[in-house]
N, C-alpha and C. Protein backbone atom coordinates (compact mmCIF):
# COMPACT_ATOMS: atom_id res chain seq x y z
N MET A 1 39.06 92.38 65.62
CA MET A 1 38.19 93.76 66.13
C MET A 1 36.97 93.62 65.51
N GLY A 2 36.24 92.46 65.22
CA GLY A 2 34.79 91.97 65.02
C GLY A 2 34.45 93.10 64.03
N SER A 3 33.14 93.99 64.09
CA SER A 3 32.80 94.84 63.10
C SER A 3 33.50 96.30 63.35
N ASN A 4 34.39 96.35 64.28
CA ASN A 4 34.73 97.81 64.13
C ASN A 4 36.31 97.98 63.47
N ILE A 5 35.87 97.77 62.22
CA ILE A 5 36.74 98.20 61.19
C ILE A 5 37.08 99.56 60.87
N PHE A 6 38.42 99.70 60.87
CA PHE A 6 38.78 101.26 60.55
C PHE A 6 39.52 101.40 59.44
N GLU A 7 39.30 102.49 58.53
CA GLU A 7 40.44 103.04 57.39
C GLU A 7 41.02 103.97 57.58
N ILE A 8 42.30 103.92 57.06
CA ILE A 8 43.24 104.89 57.21
C ILE A 8 43.39 105.43 55.79
N LYS A 9 43.51 106.75 55.53
CA LYS A 9 43.71 107.43 54.15
C LYS A 9 44.79 108.35 54.27
N THR A 10 45.59 108.17 53.33
CA THR A 10 46.86 109.13 53.17
C THR A 10 46.66 109.97 51.72
N LEU A 11 47.26 111.13 51.89
CA LEU A 11 47.17 112.34 50.64
C LEU A 11 48.37 113.07 50.57
N ASN A 12 48.97 113.36 49.70
CA ASN A 12 49.90 114.51 49.47
C ASN A 12 49.04 115.55 48.89
N VAL A 13 48.77 116.76 49.80
CA VAL A 13 48.36 117.55 49.47
C VAL A 13 48.96 118.63 48.59
N ARG A 14 49.93 118.83 48.81
CA ARG A 14 50.95 119.75 48.40
C ARG A 14 50.28 121.17 48.46
N SER A 15 50.46 121.55 49.85
CA SER A 15 50.12 122.70 50.86
C SER A 15 48.63 122.61 51.17
N LEU A 16 47.99 122.95 52.34
CA LEU A 16 47.01 123.16 52.87
C LEU A 16 46.73 124.32 53.67
N THR A 17 47.15 125.58 52.98
CA THR A 17 47.02 126.38 53.70
C THR A 17 45.79 127.44 53.51
N THR A 18 45.51 128.24 54.51
CA THR A 18 44.19 129.21 54.42
C THR A 18 44.30 130.37 53.44
N SER A 19 45.51 130.43 52.50
CA SER A 19 45.46 131.43 51.89
C SER A 19 44.92 131.27 50.72
N ASP A 20 44.23 130.54 50.07
CA ASP A 20 43.23 130.03 49.13
C ASP A 20 42.11 129.19 49.79
N LEU A 21 41.09 129.68 50.79
CA LEU A 21 39.96 129.12 51.56
C LEU A 21 39.32 128.08 50.80
N LYS A 22 39.08 128.46 49.39
CA LYS A 22 38.22 127.90 48.46
C LYS A 22 38.95 126.20 48.12
N LEU A 23 40.01 126.72 47.66
CA LEU A 23 40.90 125.20 47.38
C LEU A 23 41.11 124.49 48.69
N CYS A 24 41.26 124.87 49.75
CA CYS A 24 41.67 124.48 51.10
C CYS A 24 40.31 123.72 51.29
N ARG A 25 39.01 124.23 51.64
CA ARG A 25 37.87 123.48 51.70
C ARG A 25 37.92 122.60 50.91
N LYS A 26 37.94 122.58 49.55
CA LYS A 26 37.76 121.67 48.41
C LYS A 26 38.47 120.22 48.78
N LYS A 27 39.78 120.57 49.26
CA LYS A 27 40.94 119.90 49.46
C LYS A 27 40.14 118.56 50.69
N LEU A 28 40.07 119.24 51.69
CA LEU A 28 39.49 118.68 53.02
C LEU A 28 38.39 118.10 52.99
N THR A 29 37.32 118.74 52.34
CA THR A 29 35.93 118.19 52.06
C THR A 29 36.09 116.63 51.34
N THR A 30 36.70 116.96 50.08
CA THR A 30 37.05 115.87 49.16
C THR A 30 37.33 114.31 50.02
N PHE A 31 38.63 115.00 50.62
CA PHE A 31 39.31 113.83 51.27
C PHE A 31 38.65 113.24 52.58
N LEU A 32 37.79 114.05 52.96
CA LEU A 32 37.17 113.57 54.28
C LEU A 32 35.62 113.13 54.15
N GLU A 33 35.39 112.96 53.05
CA GLU A 33 33.71 112.93 52.69
C GLU A 33 33.35 111.55 53.05
N ASP A 34 33.96 110.47 53.09
CA ASP A 34 33.74 109.12 53.60
C ASP A 34 34.17 109.05 54.97
N GLN A 35 34.61 110.25 56.00
CA GLN A 35 35.03 110.15 57.18
C GLN A 35 35.84 108.94 57.60
N PRO A 36 37.01 108.92 57.11
CA PRO A 36 38.02 107.64 57.24
C PRO A 36 38.24 108.07 58.98
N SER A 37 38.71 106.72 59.43
CA SER A 37 38.96 106.90 60.95
C SER A 37 40.24 107.59 61.32
N ILE A 38 41.17 107.24 60.44
CA ILE A 38 42.44 108.18 60.51
C ILE A 38 42.71 108.95 58.75
N ALA A 39 43.20 109.83 59.01
CA ALA A 39 43.50 110.65 57.77
C ALA A 39 45.00 111.20 57.95
N ILE A 40 45.93 111.02 56.93
CA ILE A 40 46.91 111.59 57.04
C ILE A 40 47.47 112.45 55.67
N PHE A 41 47.62 113.81 55.88
CA PHE A 41 47.84 114.52 54.93
C PHE A 41 49.32 114.84 54.97
N GLN A 42 49.96 114.42 53.95
CA GLN A 42 51.46 114.90 53.81
C GLN A 42 51.74 116.31 52.96
N GLU A 43 52.64 117.05 53.24
CA GLU A 43 53.14 117.97 52.56
C GLU A 43 52.31 119.31 52.69
N THR A 44 51.69 119.32 53.79
CA THR A 44 50.62 120.46 54.34
C THR A 44 51.26 121.94 54.35
N ASN A 45 52.79 122.24 54.60
CA ASN A 45 53.00 123.34 54.57
C ASN A 45 52.37 124.14 55.79
N GLN A 46 52.21 123.52 57.09
CA GLN A 46 51.74 123.96 58.08
C GLN A 46 52.92 124.15 58.87
N ASN A 47 52.34 125.33 60.12
CA ASN A 47 53.35 125.30 61.54
C ASN A 47 51.94 125.12 62.58
N HIS A 48 52.16 125.26 63.77
CA HIS A 48 51.35 125.71 64.61
C HIS A 48 50.40 126.79 64.71
N SER A 49 50.83 128.02 64.40
CA SER A 49 49.74 128.79 64.24
C SER A 49 49.28 128.76 63.18
N GLY A 50 49.62 128.15 61.85
CA GLY A 50 48.69 127.93 60.73
C GLY A 50 47.85 126.35 61.05
N LEU A 51 48.26 125.92 61.80
CA LEU A 51 47.27 124.86 62.09
C LEU A 51 45.81 125.33 63.08
N ILE A 52 46.28 126.38 63.87
CA ILE A 52 45.06 127.15 64.65
C ILE A 52 44.16 127.74 63.58
N GLN A 53 44.73 128.33 62.72
CA GLN A 53 43.82 129.08 61.63
C GLN A 53 43.14 128.31 60.85
N LEU A 54 43.62 127.08 60.59
CA LEU A 54 42.85 125.84 59.90
C LEU A 54 41.73 125.42 60.60
N GLN A 55 41.84 125.04 62.04
CA GLN A 55 40.85 124.77 62.84
C GLN A 55 39.79 125.83 62.91
N ARG A 56 40.17 127.10 63.07
CA ARG A 56 39.14 128.19 63.19
C ARG A 56 38.35 128.35 61.91
N GLN A 57 38.89 128.36 60.75
CA GLN A 57 38.31 128.20 59.48
C GLN A 57 37.41 127.09 59.28
N PHE A 58 37.82 125.90 59.59
CA PHE A 58 37.33 124.86 59.07
C PHE A 58 36.77 123.86 60.07
N ARG A 59 35.88 124.63 61.18
CA ARG A 59 35.34 123.99 62.39
C ARG A 59 34.59 122.83 62.10
N TYR A 60 33.67 123.23 60.90
CA TYR A 60 32.56 122.07 60.77
C TYR A 60 33.56 120.93 60.06
N GLU A 61 34.39 120.86 59.21
CA GLU A 61 34.96 119.75 58.29
C GLU A 61 35.93 119.25 59.22
N LEU A 62 36.56 119.86 60.21
CA LEU A 62 37.58 119.21 61.42
C LEU A 62 36.85 119.05 62.45
N GLY A 63 35.82 119.21 62.77
CA GLY A 63 34.90 119.11 64.30
C GLY A 63 35.24 117.69 64.70
N GLY A 64 34.95 116.84 63.75
CA GLY A 64 34.91 115.44 64.28
C GLY A 64 36.27 114.47 64.49
N TYR A 65 37.25 115.49 64.33
CA TYR A 65 38.66 114.94 64.32
C TYR A 65 39.25 115.61 65.24
N GLN A 66 40.19 114.89 66.06
CA GLN A 66 41.67 114.85 67.09
C GLN A 66 42.44 115.48 66.01
N VAL A 67 43.20 116.66 65.84
CA VAL A 67 44.00 117.16 65.04
C VAL A 67 45.46 117.18 65.42
N LEU A 68 46.34 116.69 64.79
CA LEU A 68 47.98 116.14 65.17
C LEU A 68 48.33 117.09 64.04
N LEU A 69 49.48 117.81 64.48
CA LEU A 69 50.58 118.36 63.62
C LEU A 69 52.01 117.58 63.79
N HIS A 70 52.62 117.06 62.92
CA HIS A 70 53.88 116.54 62.81
C HIS A 70 54.95 117.76 61.94
N ASN A 71 55.47 118.45 62.66
CA ASN A 71 56.31 119.74 62.10
C ASN A 71 57.41 119.09 61.30
N HIS A 72 57.96 119.21 60.30
CA HIS A 72 59.30 118.73 59.91
C HIS A 72 59.87 120.26 60.61
N ARG A 73 60.97 119.81 61.09
CA ARG A 73 61.84 120.73 61.86
C ARG A 73 62.71 121.77 60.96
N LEU A 74 63.02 121.06 59.87
CA LEU A 74 63.41 121.98 59.06
C LEU A 74 63.20 122.27 57.62
N ILE A 75 62.10 121.55 57.19
CA ILE A 75 61.19 122.17 56.01
C ILE A 75 59.81 122.22 56.32
N GLN A 76 59.29 123.14 56.48
CA GLN A 76 57.76 123.38 57.04
C GLN A 76 56.98 122.83 55.86
N LYS A 77 57.17 123.03 54.78
CA LYS A 77 56.40 122.32 53.48
C LYS A 77 56.15 120.63 53.82
N ARG A 78 57.00 120.01 54.15
CA ARG A 78 57.07 118.70 54.40
C ARG A 78 56.21 118.27 55.78
N SER A 79 55.46 119.28 56.41
CA SER A 79 55.00 119.02 57.97
C SER A 79 53.45 117.94 57.39
N MET A 80 53.09 117.26 58.39
CA MET A 80 52.11 116.23 58.41
C MET A 80 50.80 116.62 59.17
N LEU A 81 49.84 116.56 58.58
CA LEU A 81 48.60 116.60 59.73
C LEU A 81 48.01 115.51 59.69
N ILE A 82 47.59 114.96 61.22
CA ILE A 82 46.88 113.84 61.11
C ILE A 82 45.81 113.81 62.07
N LEU A 83 44.87 113.49 61.47
CA LEU A 83 43.43 113.24 61.86
C LEU A 83 43.00 112.38 62.20
N VAL A 84 42.38 111.76 63.66
CA VAL A 84 41.62 110.63 64.15
C VAL A 84 40.48 111.44 64.44
N HIS A 85 39.55 110.24 63.73
CA HIS A 85 38.14 110.41 63.67
C HIS A 85 37.54 110.24 65.15
N ARG A 86 36.59 111.03 65.73
CA ARG A 86 35.78 110.51 67.13
C ARG A 86 35.32 109.20 66.99
N THR A 87 34.89 108.54 65.87
CA THR A 87 34.48 107.43 65.76
C THR A 87 35.22 106.06 65.56
N CYS A 88 36.70 106.40 65.54
CA CYS A 88 37.59 105.27 65.49
C CYS A 88 37.50 104.41 66.53
N PRO A 89 37.59 103.26 66.22
CA PRO A 89 37.73 102.17 67.45
C PRO A 89 38.87 102.43 68.17
N LEU A 90 39.98 102.79 67.40
CA LEU A 90 41.41 102.71 68.43
C LEU A 90 41.31 104.09 69.18
N ALA A 91 41.75 104.06 70.27
CA ALA A 91 41.87 105.20 71.12
C ALA A 91 43.40 105.44 71.01
N LEU A 92 43.80 107.05 70.67
CA LEU A 92 45.11 107.52 70.78
C LEU A 92 45.44 107.74 72.22
N SER A 93 46.77 106.69 72.78
CA SER A 93 47.24 106.96 73.62
C SER A 93 48.65 107.62 74.01
N SER A 94 49.44 107.83 72.87
CA SER A 94 50.45 108.68 72.99
C SER A 94 50.95 108.88 71.13
N THR A 95 51.83 109.75 71.28
CA THR A 95 52.83 110.18 70.05
C THR A 95 53.90 110.16 70.44
N GLU A 96 54.93 110.00 69.38
CA GLU A 96 56.26 109.80 69.09
C GLU A 96 57.01 110.01 67.96
N ALA A 97 57.78 111.45 68.01
CA ALA A 97 58.21 111.86 66.73
C ALA A 97 59.79 110.80 66.37
N ILE A 98 59.57 109.97 65.59
CA ILE A 98 60.42 109.06 64.93
C ILE A 98 61.73 109.82 64.32
N ASP A 99 61.21 110.61 63.52
CA ASP A 99 62.55 111.63 62.98
C ASP A 99 61.36 112.74 62.43
N ASN A 100 62.10 113.72 61.63
CA ASN A 100 61.30 114.68 60.86
C ASN A 100 60.08 114.23 59.77
N ASP A 101 60.46 113.09 59.34
CA ASP A 101 59.46 112.53 58.67
C ASP A 101 58.22 111.33 59.01
N CYS A 102 58.45 111.22 60.28
CA CYS A 102 57.61 110.06 60.64
C CYS A 102 57.02 110.36 62.31
N LEU A 103 55.93 110.12 62.43
CA LEU A 103 55.33 109.93 63.55
C LEU A 103 54.66 108.99 63.74
N LYS A 104 55.00 108.41 65.11
CA LYS A 104 54.11 106.98 65.39
C LYS A 104 53.16 107.48 66.26
N LEU A 105 52.13 106.88 66.08
CA LEU A 105 50.82 106.79 66.83
C LEU A 105 50.37 105.78 67.76
N SER A 106 50.75 105.57 68.99
CA SER A 106 50.37 104.43 69.65
C SER A 106 49.04 104.50 69.95
N MET A 107 48.29 103.49 69.84
CA MET A 107 46.79 103.45 69.80
C MET A 107 46.39 101.84 70.55
N ALA A 108 45.04 102.09 71.02
CA ALA A 108 44.65 100.61 71.90
C ALA A 108 43.18 100.76 71.37
N TYR A 109 42.76 99.12 71.45
CA TYR A 109 41.41 98.89 71.26
C TYR A 109 41.63 97.65 72.17
N GLU A 110 40.89 97.76 73.28
CA GLU A 110 40.53 96.86 74.24
C GLU A 110 41.83 96.49 75.10
N ASN A 111 42.14 95.22 74.69
CA ASN A 111 43.38 94.91 75.49
C ASN A 111 44.59 94.73 74.13
N THR A 112 44.34 95.27 73.12
CA THR A 112 45.52 95.33 71.91
C THR A 112 46.00 96.46 71.69
N SER A 113 47.06 96.49 71.36
CA SER A 113 47.87 97.74 70.93
C SER A 113 48.25 97.74 69.60
N PHE A 114 48.27 98.82 69.28
CA PHE A 114 48.79 99.11 67.84
C PHE A 114 49.95 100.24 67.39
N ALA A 115 50.63 100.08 66.92
CA ALA A 115 51.69 101.28 66.72
C ALA A 115 51.35 101.62 64.92
N ILE A 116 51.07 102.76 64.54
CA ILE A 116 50.79 103.25 63.59
C ILE A 116 51.85 104.31 62.91
N PHE A 117 52.67 104.08 62.34
CA PHE A 117 53.96 104.84 61.83
C PHE A 117 53.49 105.73 60.41
N CYS A 118 53.20 106.96 60.71
CA CYS A 118 52.76 107.77 59.75
C CYS A 118 54.08 108.57 59.20
N CYS A 119 54.17 108.08 57.89
CA CYS A 119 55.47 108.60 57.50
C CYS A 119 55.20 109.18 55.98
N TYR A 120 56.24 110.30 56.01
CA TYR A 120 56.52 111.26 54.41
C TYR A 120 57.85 111.02 54.24
N ALA A 121 58.28 109.89 53.51
CA ALA A 121 59.70 109.61 53.24
C ALA A 121 60.26 110.69 52.36
N PRO A 122 61.68 110.88 52.48
CA PRO A 122 62.09 111.66 51.76
C PRO A 122 62.24 111.38 49.90
N SER A 123 62.33 112.05 49.00
CA SER A 123 62.07 111.60 47.97
C SER A 123 63.31 111.30 46.85
N ASP A 124 64.17 111.24 47.76
CA ASP A 124 65.54 110.70 46.97
C ASP A 124 65.35 109.11 47.20
N GLY A 125 65.02 108.53 46.11
CA GLY A 125 65.05 106.94 46.03
C GLY A 125 66.44 106.15 46.69
N ARG A 126 67.25 106.93 46.68
CA ARG A 126 68.55 106.19 47.20
C ARG A 126 68.84 106.15 48.97
N ASN A 127 67.76 106.91 49.19
CA ASN A 127 67.95 107.32 50.89
C ASN A 127 67.30 106.13 51.56
N THR A 128 67.95 105.08 52.20
CA THR A 128 67.43 103.82 52.42
C THR A 128 67.53 104.17 54.03
N ASP A 129 68.18 104.97 54.49
CA ASP A 129 68.53 105.11 55.88
C ASP A 129 66.88 105.54 56.64
N PHE A 130 66.36 106.74 55.99
CA PHE A 130 64.81 106.74 56.57
C PHE A 130 64.01 105.33 56.47
N LEU A 131 63.99 104.61 55.63
CA LEU A 131 63.22 103.18 55.92
C LEU A 131 63.94 102.16 56.78
N HIS A 132 65.24 102.35 56.84
CA HIS A 132 66.02 101.40 58.14
C HIS A 132 65.56 102.16 59.47
N THR A 133 65.63 103.53 59.54
CA THR A 133 64.91 104.17 61.00
C THR A 133 63.51 103.85 61.10
N VAL A 134 62.58 103.73 60.07
CA VAL A 134 61.26 103.56 60.69
C VAL A 134 61.14 101.97 60.83
N ARG A 135 61.76 101.25 60.03
CA ARG A 135 61.46 99.72 60.29
C ARG A 135 62.48 99.37 61.70
N ARG A 136 63.17 99.89 62.16
CA ARG A 136 63.93 99.70 63.30
C ARG A 136 62.92 100.35 64.63
N ALA A 137 62.27 101.17 64.19
CA ALA A 137 61.48 101.87 65.28
C ALA A 137 60.35 100.99 65.34
N GLN A 138 59.87 100.46 64.16
CA GLN A 138 58.76 99.37 64.13
C GLN A 138 58.81 98.19 65.05
N LEU A 139 60.52 97.69 64.79
CA LEU A 139 60.65 96.49 65.42
C LEU A 139 60.98 96.58 67.17
N ASP A 140 61.26 97.74 67.37
CA ASP A 140 61.58 98.34 68.78
C ASP A 140 60.25 98.73 69.60
N SER A 141 59.13 98.72 68.79
CA SER A 141 57.84 99.01 69.57
C SER A 141 57.27 97.79 70.14
N THR A 142 56.54 98.19 71.31
CA THR A 142 56.06 97.12 72.32
C THR A 142 54.68 97.02 72.02
N GLU A 143 54.24 97.39 71.05
CA GLU A 143 52.83 96.93 70.87
C GLU A 143 52.29 95.91 70.04
N THR A 144 51.22 95.31 70.28
CA THR A 144 51.09 94.14 69.75
C THR A 144 50.95 94.22 68.19
N HIS A 145 50.36 94.94 67.59
CA HIS A 145 50.35 95.30 66.17
C HIS A 145 51.21 96.27 65.31
N SER A 146 51.60 96.56 64.25
CA SER A 146 52.19 97.70 64.04
C SER A 146 52.10 97.74 62.38
N ALA A 147 51.78 99.11 61.68
CA ALA A 147 51.92 99.12 60.48
C ALA A 147 52.82 100.66 60.05
N ILE A 148 53.21 100.60 58.95
CA ILE A 148 54.03 101.56 58.48
C ILE A 148 53.05 102.10 57.25
N VAL A 149 52.46 103.34 57.13
CA VAL A 149 51.69 103.96 56.22
C VAL A 149 52.15 105.23 55.73
N GLY A 150 51.46 105.96 54.62
CA GLY A 150 52.08 106.85 54.34
C GLY A 150 52.47 107.36 52.96
N ASP A 151 53.17 108.04 52.84
CA ASP A 151 53.87 108.32 51.28
C ASP A 151 55.09 108.05 51.68
N LEU A 152 55.79 106.68 51.13
CA LEU A 152 56.99 106.29 51.10
C LEU A 152 58.00 106.72 49.86
N ASN A 153 57.37 107.61 48.78
CA ASN A 153 58.15 107.99 47.80
C ASN A 153 58.94 106.87 47.22
N CYS A 154 58.29 105.95 47.06
CA CYS A 154 59.27 104.91 46.20
C CYS A 154 58.25 104.14 45.40
N THR A 155 58.46 103.78 44.02
CA THR A 155 57.52 102.95 43.25
C THR A 155 58.03 101.33 43.71
N LEU A 156 57.08 100.64 43.85
CA LEU A 156 57.26 99.27 44.46
C LEU A 156 57.22 98.13 43.23
N ASP A 157 56.56 98.50 42.45
CA ASP A 157 56.37 97.81 40.94
C ASP A 157 56.90 98.48 39.97
N PRO A 158 57.93 98.27 39.45
CA PRO A 158 58.89 98.98 38.70
C PRO A 158 58.05 99.19 37.07
N THR A 159 57.35 98.25 37.01
CA THR A 159 56.52 98.32 35.48
C THR A 159 55.41 98.96 35.69
N MET A 160 54.50 98.83 36.53
CA MET A 160 53.27 99.30 36.83
C MET A 160 53.36 100.68 37.25
N ASP A 161 54.23 100.96 38.36
CA ASP A 161 54.40 102.47 38.89
C ASP A 161 55.05 103.50 38.09
N ARG A 162 56.22 102.84 37.34
CA ARG A 162 57.11 103.59 36.41
C ARG A 162 56.53 104.05 34.83
N THR A 163 55.09 104.07 34.78
CA THR A 163 54.55 104.50 33.55
C THR A 163 55.19 105.81 33.19
N GLY A 164 55.75 106.23 32.05
CA GLY A 164 55.98 107.45 31.84
C GLY A 164 57.31 108.09 32.39
N TYR A 165 57.99 107.24 33.28
CA TYR A 165 59.56 107.78 33.98
C TYR A 165 60.56 107.11 32.84
N LEU A 166 61.51 107.88 33.09
CA LEU A 166 62.69 107.32 32.25
C LEU A 166 63.86 106.72 32.97
N GLN A 167 63.56 107.08 34.33
CA GLN A 167 64.58 106.11 34.97
C GLN A 167 64.16 105.57 36.36
N ASP A 168 64.79 104.74 36.94
CA ASP A 168 64.52 104.00 38.12
C ASP A 168 65.28 104.36 39.34
N HIS A 169 64.78 105.31 39.97
CA HIS A 169 66.05 105.72 41.05
C HIS A 169 65.65 105.05 42.34
N HIS A 170 64.55 104.29 42.69
CA HIS A 170 63.71 103.63 43.61
C HIS A 170 64.38 102.28 44.03
N TRP A 171 65.56 101.98 43.29
CA TRP A 171 65.38 100.36 43.43
C TRP A 171 66.12 100.15 44.80
N GLN A 172 66.90 100.82 45.35
CA GLN A 172 67.49 100.57 46.87
C GLN A 172 66.44 100.62 47.83
N CYS A 173 65.61 101.89 47.64
CA CYS A 173 64.42 101.42 48.69
C CYS A 173 63.41 100.68 48.44
N ARG A 174 63.13 100.31 47.21
CA ARG A 174 62.39 99.07 46.80
C ARG A 174 63.02 97.57 47.45
N ALA A 175 64.40 97.74 47.41
CA ALA A 175 64.87 96.23 48.08
C ALA A 175 64.65 96.43 49.68
N VAL A 176 64.67 97.69 50.35
CA VAL A 176 64.67 97.60 51.62
C VAL A 176 63.05 97.26 52.10
N ILE A 177 62.36 97.99 51.33
CA ILE A 177 60.68 97.56 51.63
C ILE A 177 60.30 96.16 51.39
N SER A 178 61.08 95.62 50.37
CA SER A 178 60.80 93.97 50.07
C SER A 178 61.23 93.05 51.25
N GLU A 179 62.45 93.47 51.77
CA GLU A 179 62.72 92.63 52.86
C GLU A 179 61.85 92.52 54.00
């Protein structure tokens, strides 16, 4: 892609509501200060009407982004907000809900296609079904390139990632990811 490099940032914000405008603005401005090409906020606790309110309250902060909401159908807290910056070299062509915790972005740059799977995996380290579902969707995708990004809720390095943890509940998910 030459010099058209892009950056994807993910953050678990633990609520991005307008009930505390000062805190919400701080989260948005801090995370978006370097204007990432794609920003993925997990655990936003948003629905469609909340998204409209966010866009109204933060017109300046969100003005340069195409804003997508992936509602978790059962647990609103687990919804994801995906922002695609207007300068992103990849053009968004479509989205597809893989499940409650994953949204596929189909994107293109010139004659090359990309599938970006934005994930907020269940926190149960023994739940490998989610990872298998996303991986199957990745293998079935017709795009030239693909990536799985977001919060996989899994420690990949049991020594480095588990500082302070008493148990390792992620060994099954880590095995699936390592495959």
